[in-house]
Amino acid sequence: MQIVIYLTIFLLSSFSLLGNTYVLLVSFDGFRWDYLNRGLTPNMTAFAERGARALSLEPSFPSGTFPNHYSIVTGLYPENHGIISNFIADPYTNNVFTIRDSIAVRDPKWYLGEAIWETAKRQGVRTASFFWPGSELTLNYRRPDYFVPFNPKIPYKKRIDSVISWLKLPFENRPRFITLYFEETDTQGHNYGPDSPETDSAIKLCDSLFGYLIDNLKKINFLDSINIIVVSDHGMTKLHQSQIINISEYFNVGGVKINSYGYFAFISGEKDSLAKVYSTLKKLENNFKVYKREEVPKYFNFSNNPFIGEIVIIPEFGWTISRDTSEYFYRIRGNHGYDNHWIDMHGIFIASGPSFKQNYVTGTLKNVDIYPLMCKILNIVPRNNIDGKLERIEYILK
């Protein structure tokens, strides 16, 4: 009888502790893996020393913003969660998804899989998001309990203040999973390149904001109770105007349409025309590779989706596919989206809190493994049809 009583107390206390577990997922967009090594991030460095840090975080292909933010919260590769790029063309309906179209961004039909806030809500865990791709869908059950539609004009500190206000809510209303997003390093990396003084200033600003977040968590006595996971969706590489491929100069065939430019291009169209285009481009391969959709190398995990074009053109590192000389790519100094195994495309992963080992350093982690990791911390059951694997990452937990 005494053993039963002790066991009951132990189980109740265990469930109580798990029920009080919190996860704050913070994204610094475009924060390359080695930005932490520039001596500009004292707050993040101190945070990493208290917890776990990976050498880098490998994104999924393509290493773009929307695809990888959604991979992080679903545990799926873009070919499986549907957000295959920041621009998607549906060849069956002629509908188009672009991240600058708020109606498309909020349309649930583009988003497959299940984001962690959906998984959590189904299991009674309250959630919140101050910006994250997929968090503002028009279907209520697919959104966090609290969310803010993306608006880059909202000041960074106000975003942090809102997160703190959510954590100050009464226990029964308080979210246990929260996302927070900052775009500064991505913006400056695109405009000026990853090695510019402007990007260094962006790194300093992000670290200062992180310090502000930590200070405010201390003020509400929450720092020791919350697991903070800091990530970035991808890295950044320097672009050169001499490394732009004007794809329109390579062929002139009717009956085909070119979708997407930059870090890859899709070509769709009539069967005979596609065969001519494929044959022509194969002979001209130079600083780019041409594949039929089903031939895209398996290590990209990028062929199992009908919205991927019948022909896929992937440029070499640092090269850009363009339509003409007026393209955006002639103006920017940095970009991403390339082969996700290329170290310049890797982001950061640092985490600290009651669930994580302290002063622990590991090698490169995969971003699809973060979803099952967060489910384990929150004590919720993840979807079983995911690409992420808990066994590749759970060793960073206590």
Protein backbone atom coordinates (compact mmCIF):
# COMPACT_ATOMS: atom_id res chain seq x y z
CA MET A 1 0.00 0.00 0.00
CA GLN A 2 2.79 2.39 0.91
CA ILE A 3 4.54 1.67 -2.40
CA VAL A 4 1.32 2.45 -4.29
CA ILE A 5 0.98 5.78 -2.45
CA TYR A 6 4.60 6.74 -3.21
CA LEU A 7 4.15 5.74 -6.85
CA THR A 8 0.96 7.78 -7.15
CA ILE A 9 2.67 10.86 -5.65
CA PHE A 10 5.61 10.41 -8.02
CA LEU A 11 3.38 10.14 -11.10
CA LEU A 12 1.26 13.11 -10.11
CA SER A 13 4.33 15.25 -9.50
CA SER A 14 5.81 14.13 -12.83
CA PHE A 15 2.66 15.03 -14.74
CA SER A 16 2.52 18.34 -12.88
CA LEU A 17 6.06 19.19 -13.93
CA LEU A 18 5.37 18.22 -17.53
CA GLY A 19 2.19 20.26 -17.51
CA ASN A 20 4.18 23.31 -16.50
CA THR A 21 6.74 22.97 -19.30
CA TYR A 22 7.09 25.98 -21.60
CA VAL A 23 8.81 26.35 -24.98
CA LEU A 24 9.70 29.67 -26.61
CA LEU A 25 10.89 29.24 -30.21
CA VAL A 26 12.81 32.29 -31.45
CA SER A 27 13.85 32.80 -35.08
CA PHE A 28 16.45 35.26 -36.32
CA ASP A 29 15.87 35.09 -40.05
CA GLY A 30 19.02 34.64 -42.15
CA PHE A 31 21.33 34.43 -39.12
CA ARG A 32 24.19 32.38 -40.58
CA TRP A 33 25.83 29.70 -38.45
CA ASP A 34 29.12 31.57 -38.10
CA TYR A 35 27.62 34.92 -37.07
CA LEU A 36 27.92 33.64 -33.51
CA ASN A 37 31.70 33.46 -33.97
CA ARG A 38 32.27 37.14 -34.77
CA GLY A 39 32.48 38.33 -31.18
CA LEU A 40 29.32 40.41 -31.60
CA THR A 41 26.87 38.29 -29.60
CA PRO A 42 27.69 38.33 -25.87
CA ASN A 43 24.08 37.63 -24.84
CA MET A 44 23.62 34.65 -27.16
CA THR A 45 27.06 33.29 -26.29
CA ALA A 46 26.33 33.43 -22.56
CA PHE A 47 22.96 31.79 -23.21
CA ALA A 48 24.60 28.98 -25.22
CA GLU A 49 27.07 28.33 -22.40
CA ARG A 50 24.13 27.77 -20.05
CA GLY A 51 22.57 25.28 -22.45
CA ALA A 52 23.17 23.41 -25.71
CA ARG A 53 24.66 24.72 -28.95
CA ALA A 54 24.99 23.05 -32.34
CA LEU A 55 27.82 23.73 -34.75
CA SER A 56 25.11 24.64 -37.26
CA LEU A 57 21.50 24.00 -38.19
CA GLU A 58 21.03 22.38 -41.58
CA PRO A 59 17.96 23.72 -43.39
CA SER A 60 15.84 21.75 -45.79
CA PHE A 61 16.04 22.33 -49.53
CA PRO A 62 15.40 24.91 -50.79
CA SER A 63 17.02 26.97 -48.07
CA GLY A 64 14.37 29.68 -48.27
CA THR A 65 12.41 31.51 -45.57
CA PHE A 66 8.88 30.11 -45.77
CA PRO A 67 9.87 26.52 -46.62
CA ASN A 68 12.22 26.24 -43.66
CA HIS A 69 10.20 28.04 -41.05
CA TYR A 70 7.40 25.64 -41.87
CA SER A 71 9.77 22.64 -41.82
CA ILE A 72 10.86 23.62 -38.31
CA VAL A 73 7.31 23.57 -36.94
CA THR A 74 6.03 20.54 -38.90
CA GLY A 75 9.03 18.19 -39.03
CA LEU A 76 8.45 17.79 -42.78
CA TYR A 77 10.56 18.50 -45.84
CA PRO A 78 9.07 21.18 -48.13
CA GLU A 79 8.11 18.57 -50.74
CA ASN A 80 5.84 17.05 -48.09
CA HIS A 81 4.46 20.13 -46.29
CA GLY A 82 3.68 21.93 -49.54
CA ILE A 83 5.52 25.24 -49.08
CA ILE A 84 8.17 24.38 -51.67
CA SER A 85 9.29 27.98 -52.17
CA ASN A 86 8.47 31.58 -51.36
CA PHE A 87 6.70 31.48 -54.74
CA ILE A 88 4.49 28.57 -55.82
CA ALA A 89 2.46 28.16 -59.00
CA ASP A 90 -0.37 25.62 -59.04
CA PRO A 91 -0.41 24.29 -62.64
CA TYR A 92 -3.87 22.79 -62.18
CA THR A 93 -5.72 25.93 -61.10
CA ASN A 94 -3.22 28.65 -62.13
CA ASN A 95 -3.38 29.95 -58.55
CA VAL A 96 -0.18 31.50 -57.24
CA PHE A 97 1.32 31.63 -53.76
CA THR A 98 3.71 34.43 -52.94
CA ILE A 99 4.83 35.58 -49.52
CA ARG A 100 3.87 39.16 -50.37
CA ASP A 101 0.23 38.18 -51.01
CA SER A 102 -1.45 38.15 -47.59
CA ILE A 103 -4.52 36.35 -48.96
CA ALA A 104 -2.41 33.49 -50.33
CA VAL A 105 -0.24 33.39 -47.19
CA ARG A 106 -3.37 32.82 -45.08
CA ASP A 107 -4.96 30.26 -47.42
CA PRO A 108 -4.83 26.81 -45.72
CA LYS A 109 -4.82 24.91 -49.02
CA TRP A 110 -1.11 25.58 -49.54
CA TYR A 111 -0.08 24.20 -46.13
CA LEU A 112 0.03 20.44 -45.69
CA GLY A 113 1.16 18.58 -42.61
CA GLU A 114 0.45 19.80 -39.10
CA ALA A 115 2.27 22.65 -37.36
CA ILE A 116 3.18 22.13 -33.72
CA TRP A 117 0.55 24.61 -32.54
CA GLU A 118 -2.08 22.38 -34.19
CA THR A 119 -0.60 19.29 -32.55
CA ALA A 120 -0.54 21.07 -29.19
CA LYS A 121 -4.07 22.49 -29.46
CA ARG A 122 -5.50 19.05 -30.21
CA GLN A 123 -3.95 17.87 -26.95
CA GLY A 124 -5.09 20.73 -24.77
CA VAL A 125 -1.93 22.87 -24.81
CA ARG A 126 -2.45 26.61 -25.33
CA THR A 127 -0.18 28.24 -27.96
CA ALA A 128 0.78 31.69 -29.26
CA SER A 129 2.76 33.18 -32.13
CA PHE A 130 4.24 36.60 -32.71
CA PHE A 131 4.91 35.94 -36.39
CA TRP A 132 5.70 32.61 -38.02
CA PRO A 133 4.86 31.33 -41.50
CA GLY A 134 1.64 29.34 -41.32
CA SER A 135 0.47 30.87 -38.04
CA GLU A 136 -2.24 33.11 -39.50
CA LEU A 137 -4.30 30.70 -41.60
CA THR A 138 -7.99 31.44 -42.02
CA LEU A 139 -9.02 28.16 -40.35
CA ASN A 140 -9.24 28.75 -36.62
CA TYR A 141 -8.23 25.22 -35.60
CA ARG A 142 -5.03 25.54 -37.65
CA ARG A 143 -3.89 28.72 -35.89
CA PRO A 144 -2.32 29.27 -32.48
CA ASP A 145 -4.69 30.43 -29.73
CA TYR A 146 -3.04 33.84 -29.82
CA PHE A 147 -1.37 35.16 -32.97
CA VAL A 148 -0.36 38.40 -34.64
CA PRO A 149 -0.54 38.74 -38.46
CA PHE A 150 2.84 39.55 -39.97
CA ASN A 151 3.61 43.26 -40.03
CA PRO A 152 7.29 44.23 -40.32
CA LYS A 153 6.49 47.72 -39.04
CA ILE A 154 5.86 46.42 -35.52
CA PRO A 155 8.99 47.36 -33.51
CA TYR A 156 11.17 44.50 -32.35
CA LYS A 157 10.90 45.35 -28.64
CA LYS A 158 7.12 45.52 -28.88
CA ARG A 159 7.16 41.92 -30.15
CA ILE A 160 9.14 40.88 -27.09
CA ASP A 161 6.85 42.86 -24.78
CA SER A 162 3.85 41.02 -26.22
CA VAL A 163 5.46 37.64 -25.54
CA ILE A 164 6.14 38.71 -21.94
CA SER A 165 2.52 39.80 -21.57
CA TRP A 166 1.35 36.36 -22.73
CA LEU A 167 3.55 34.72 -20.09
CA LYS A 168 2.03 36.98 -17.42
CA LEU A 169 -1.49 35.74 -18.15
CA PRO A 170 -3.28 33.62 -15.53
CA PHE A 171 -2.13 30.01 -15.67
CA GLU A 172 -5.32 28.73 -17.31
CA ASN A 173 -4.96 31.28 -20.17
CA ARG A 174 -1.18 31.23 -20.50
CA PRO A 175 0.36 29.70 -23.64
CA ARG A 176 2.94 26.99 -23.11
CA PHE A 177 4.29 27.18 -26.65
CA ILE A 178 5.21 30.54 -28.22
CA THR A 179 7.03 31.64 -31.37
CA LEU A 180 8.88 34.92 -31.89
CA TYR A 181 10.44 36.21 -35.12
CA PHE A 182 12.96 38.87 -36.19
CA GLU A 183 13.93 39.60 -39.80
CA GLU A 184 16.84 42.04 -39.34
CA THR A 185 19.82 39.85 -40.32
CA ASP A 186 18.01 38.55 -43.41
CA THR A 187 17.14 42.05 -44.58
CA GLN A 188 20.66 43.43 -44.19
CA GLY A 189 22.24 40.24 -45.52
CA HIS A 190 20.25 40.59 -48.74
CA ASN A 191 20.87 44.31 -49.11
CA TYR A 192 24.56 44.44 -48.27
CA GLY A 193 25.91 40.88 -48.14
CA PRO A 194 26.82 38.64 -45.19
CA ASP A 195 30.26 40.17 -44.63
CA SER A 196 29.18 43.82 -44.60
CA PRO A 197 29.31 46.32 -41.71
CA GLU A 198 25.53 46.62 -42.03
CA THR A 199 25.10 42.89 -41.38
CA ASP A 200 27.45 43.11 -38.40
CA SER A 201 25.23 45.89 -37.04
CA ALA A 202 22.19 43.65 -37.58
CA ILE A 203 23.90 40.85 -35.64
CA LYS A 204 24.59 43.24 -32.76
CA LEU A 205 20.98 44.44 -32.80
CA CYS A 206 19.64 40.87 -32.69
CA ASP A 207 21.92 40.06 -29.76
CA SER A 208 20.78 43.20 -27.96
CA LEU A 209 17.15 42.21 -28.51
CA PHE A 210 17.89 38.74 -27.18
CA GLY A 211 19.41 40.33 -24.08
CA TYR A 212 16.26 42.43 -23.69
CA LEU A 213 14.17 39.24 -23.89
CA ILE A 214 16.29 37.49 -21.24
CA ASP A 215 16.17 40.51 -18.91
CA ASN A 216 12.39 40.70 -19.14
CA LEU A 217 12.01 36.97 -18.50
CA LYS A 218 14.10 37.47 -15.36
CA LYS A 219 11.86 40.34 -14.25
CA ILE A 220 8.78 38.11 -14.29
CA ASN A 221 10.72 35.23 -12.69
CA PHE A 222 10.23 33.03 -15.74
CA LEU A 223 13.75 32.47 -17.06
CA ASP A 224 14.35 29.30 -15.06
CA SER A 225 10.97 27.86 -16.05
CA ILE A 226 11.05 28.20 -19.83
CA ASN A 227 12.90 26.32 -22.55
CA ILE A 228 14.16 28.78 -25.14
CA ILE A 229 15.16 27.47 -28.56
CA VAL A 230 16.92 29.96 -30.84
CA VAL A 231 17.10 29.09 -34.53
CA SER A 232 17.46 30.58 -37.97
CA ASP A 233 15.78 29.36 -41.11
CA HIS A 234 18.89 29.52 -43.29
CA GLY A 235 22.21 31.25 -43.79
CA MET A 236 23.38 33.72 -46.43
CA THR A 237 26.04 33.92 -49.14
CA LYS A 238 27.59 36.75 -51.09
CA LEU A 239 26.32 37.38 -54.62
CA HIS A 240 28.27 38.74 -57.58
CA GLN A 241 26.68 40.46 -60.58
CA SER A 242 28.97 38.42 -62.83
CA GLN A 243 27.35 35.20 -61.57
CA ILE A 244 23.85 35.64 -62.95
CA ILE A 245 22.41 33.25 -65.53
CA ASN A 246 19.85 34.89 -67.83
CA ILE A 247 17.84 31.77 -68.57
CA SER A 248 15.78 33.46 -71.31
CA GLU A 249 18.90 33.58 -73.49
CA TYR A 250 19.33 29.79 -73.45
CA PHE A 251 16.28 28.71 -75.40
CA ASN A 252 13.24 30.00 -77.26
CA VAL A 253 10.59 27.31 -77.27
CA GLY A 254 6.84 27.86 -77.24
CA GLY A 255 4.45 25.86 -75.07
CA VAL A 256 6.48 26.16 -71.86
CA LYS A 257 6.38 28.46 -68.85
CA ILE A 258 9.23 29.33 -66.50
CA ASN A 259 8.23 29.61 -62.82
CA SER A 260 10.48 30.76 -60.00
CA TYR A 261 13.85 32.39 -60.33
CA GLY A 262 16.87 32.92 -58.16
CA TYR A 263 18.10 29.82 -56.36
CA PHE A 264 16.21 27.54 -58.75
CA ALA A 265 13.84 27.67 -61.70
CA PHE A 266 10.92 25.47 -62.71
CA ILE A 267 9.80 24.86 -66.27
CA SER A 268 6.36 23.46 -66.99
CA GLY A 269 4.43 22.98 -70.18
CA GLU A 270 3.58 20.70 -73.09
CA LYS A 271 5.32 17.33 -73.23
CA ASP A 272 7.06 17.77 -76.60
CA SER A 273 8.18 21.30 -75.78
CA LEU A 274 9.56 20.20 -72.42
CA ALA A 275 11.56 17.46 -74.12
CA LYS A 276 13.16 20.05 -76.45
CA VAL A 277 13.94 22.41 -73.57
CA TYR A 278 15.43 19.63 -71.46
CA SER A 279 17.63 18.44 -74.32
CA THR A 280 18.83 21.99 -75.07
CA LEU A 281 19.61 22.90 -71.48
CA LYS A 282 21.40 19.60 -70.83
CA LYS A 283 23.88 20.48 -73.58
CA LEU A 284 24.38 23.97 -72.17
CA GLU A 285 24.88 23.00 -68.52
CA ASN A 286 27.42 25.41 -67.08
CA ASN A 287 27.17 26.76 -63.53
CA PHE A 288 23.78 25.07 -63.28
CA LYS A 289 22.29 21.58 -63.37
CA VAL A 290 19.11 20.52 -65.16
CA TYR A 291 16.89 17.72 -63.91
CA LYS A 292 13.56 16.19 -64.71
CA ARG A 293 11.49 16.42 -61.54
CA GLU A 294 11.85 12.72 -60.79
CA GLU A 295 15.62 12.96 -61.36
CA VAL A 296 16.33 15.60 -58.70
CA PRO A 297 18.99 14.01 -56.42
CA LYS A 298 17.46 12.21 -53.46
CA TYR A 299 19.58 14.16 -50.98
CA PHE A 300 17.52 17.24 -51.80
CA ASN A 301 14.21 15.53 -50.86
CA PHE A 302 12.65 17.63 -53.57
CA SER A 303 10.81 15.64 -56.20
CA ASN A 304 7.66 14.35 -54.50
CA ASN A 305 5.34 17.30 -55.08
CA PRO A 306 3.15 18.10 -58.11
CA PHE A 307 3.84 21.84 -57.84
CA ILE A 308 7.53 21.30 -58.53
CA GLY A 309 8.04 21.92 -62.26
CA GLU A 310 8.55 19.08 -64.71
CA ILE A 311 12.04 20.49 -65.26
CA VAL A 312 14.10 21.81 -62.35
CA ILE A 313 17.16 24.02 -62.83
CA ILE A 314 19.48 24.35 -59.83
CA PRO A 315 22.41 26.80 -60.08
CA GLU A 316 25.85 26.21 -58.63
CA PHE A 317 26.73 27.85 -55.31
CA GLY A 318 26.43 31.63 -55.51
CA TRP A 319 25.01 31.69 -59.03
CA THR A 320 21.55 33.12 -59.69
CA ILE A 321 18.96 32.31 -62.35
CA SER A 322 17.30 35.40 -63.81
CA ARG A 323 14.90 36.34 -66.61
CA ASP A 324 16.42 39.67 -67.64
CA THR A 325 18.78 42.41 -66.49
CA SER A 326 16.06 44.27 -64.57
CA GLU A 327 15.75 41.47 -62.02
CA TYR A 328 15.97 42.02 -58.28
CA PHE A 329 19.01 39.74 -58.21
CA TYR A 330 21.14 42.37 -59.95
CA ARG A 331 20.59 44.71 -57.01
CA ILE A 332 20.99 42.53 -53.93
CA ARG A 333 24.36 41.55 -52.44
CA GLY A 334 23.38 38.37 -50.59
CA ASN A 335 21.01 35.45 -51.03
CA HIS A 336 20.12 31.94 -49.91
CA GLY A 337 18.00 29.05 -51.14
CA TYR A 338 20.90 27.00 -52.45
CA ASP A 339 21.95 23.40 -51.68
CA ASN A 340 21.07 22.96 -48.00
CA HIS A 341 24.25 20.93 -47.42
CA TRP A 342 26.42 23.95 -48.30
CA ILE A 343 27.68 25.43 -45.02
CA ASP A 344 26.89 29.02 -46.08
CA MET A 345 23.22 28.01 -46.06
CA HIS A 346 23.33 26.73 -42.47
CA GLY A 347 21.75 28.61 -39.60
CA ILE A 348 22.04 28.54 -35.81
CA PHE A 349 20.64 26.35 -33.06
CA ILE A 350 21.11 27.25 -29.41
CA ALA A 351 18.82 26.20 -26.59
CA SER A 352 18.66 26.51 -22.83
CA GLY A 353 16.17 25.78 -20.10
CA PRO A 354 15.15 23.14 -17.60
CA SER A 355 14.96 20.43 -20.28
CA PHE A 356 18.38 20.97 -21.88
CA LYS A 357 21.89 19.89 -20.99
CA GLN A 358 24.18 22.67 -19.83
CA ASN A 359 27.32 23.88 -21.60
CA TYR A 360 26.83 21.18 -24.23
CA VAL A 361 28.16 21.45 -27.79
CA THR A 362 27.16 19.14 -30.62
CA GLY A 363 27.62 18.94 -34.38
CA THR A 364 25.20 19.94 -37.12
CA LEU A 365 21.50 19.32 -36.46
CA LYS A 366 18.67 19.01 -39.01
CA ASN A 367 15.80 21.45 -38.76
CA VAL A 368 13.11 18.80 -39.37
CA ASP A 369 14.11 17.19 -36.07
CA ILE A 370 13.09 20.23 -34.02
CA TYR A 371 9.36 19.45 -34.22
CA PRO A 372 9.58 16.05 -32.47
CA LEU A 373 12.04 17.55 -29.97
CA MET A 374 9.56 20.26 -28.99
CA CYS A 375 6.75 17.72 -28.76
CA LYS A 376 8.83 15.67 -26.34
CA ILE A 377 9.55 18.73 -24.18
CA LEU A 378 5.86 19.68 -24.13
CA ASN A 379 4.87 16.06 -23.44
CA ILE A 380 2.56 15.89 -26.45
CA VAL A 381 2.35 13.14 -29.07
CA PRO A 382 3.83 14.21 -32.44
CA ARG A 383 2.43 13.22 -35.81
CA ASN A 384 3.94 9.94 -36.92
CA ASN A 385 4.10 10.75 -40.66
CA ILE A 386 6.98 13.22 -40.38
CA ASP A 387 10.49 13.34 -41.79
CA GLY A 388 12.06 14.45 -38.50
CA LYS A 389 13.59 11.90 -36.17
CA LEU A 390 13.72 12.40 -32.41
CA GLU A 391 16.67 10.00 -32.04
CA ARG A 392 18.90 12.37 -34.04
CA ILE A 393 18.45 15.21 -31.56
CA GLU A 394 17.06 14.11 -28.18
CA TYR A 395 20.55 13.55 -26.74
CA ILE A 396 20.79 17.32 -26.14
CA LEU A 397 18.07 16.98 -23.48
CA LYS A 398 18.83 16.20 -19.88
